Amino acid sequence: MAFSHKVRLLGESAASQARQAHLLLPTLLIGYAQQASNVKNTCGNFKRLLGRKFNDPEVQSELARSMVKTVPTRDGGVGYQVYYNGDQKVFSATQVAAMYLYNLREIAEKESGSRVHDVCISTPVWYSDQQRRALIDAAHIAGFNVLALLNDNTACTCRVQPSCNCRRVGGWCGGVWEG
């Protein structure tokens, strides 16, 4: 997730779209190219920091490799200090995850032609209960009704079952699954 003057940039694959960043349109761009040219405003590894405390030694180890300025939030979590819309703002890892999930929702709704609301979300096996709760909070902020959180392996198994009435609509680890 990267922030520019009036542009919020997400994801992995917009090297081709990065040239449009100078237009400063209120759109979402996706890409490593933006990350390379805007490192101090690019929030990386938010999936690993979601639901974790700022003073956790593992979090501090992760933040040592981060180029964006991080600060503790009021609740002790990780906050990303970025410049967005000309102002300095702090977004929590949960807020950044919600922006990412919202982008996935927009893509899924555009491609499916229908509203995406009820979802099952796959998570890494190593997520703690606190991280899972933070992901559910992010999903609620993004406008999802989370029916279940599934470990990645379980989500893959569900996907190959003919009786499963789910379809993959995006990628949080193994994906967001529409029920």
Foldseek 3Di string as FASTA:
>chain_A
DFADQQEAEDEDDAPVVPVCVVVNDNYYHYHPVCCVVGQQRDDPPLLVQALHFCPPPVNVVVCVPGNHDWDADPVRGIWTFHQHNNDTDIDGSLQVLLVHVLVLQVQLCVVVVHHFAEKEAEHAPPDDPSRVVSNCVSCVSSRHDYPYYHHLVVVVVLVPDPVRPWDFRADPPNGIIGD
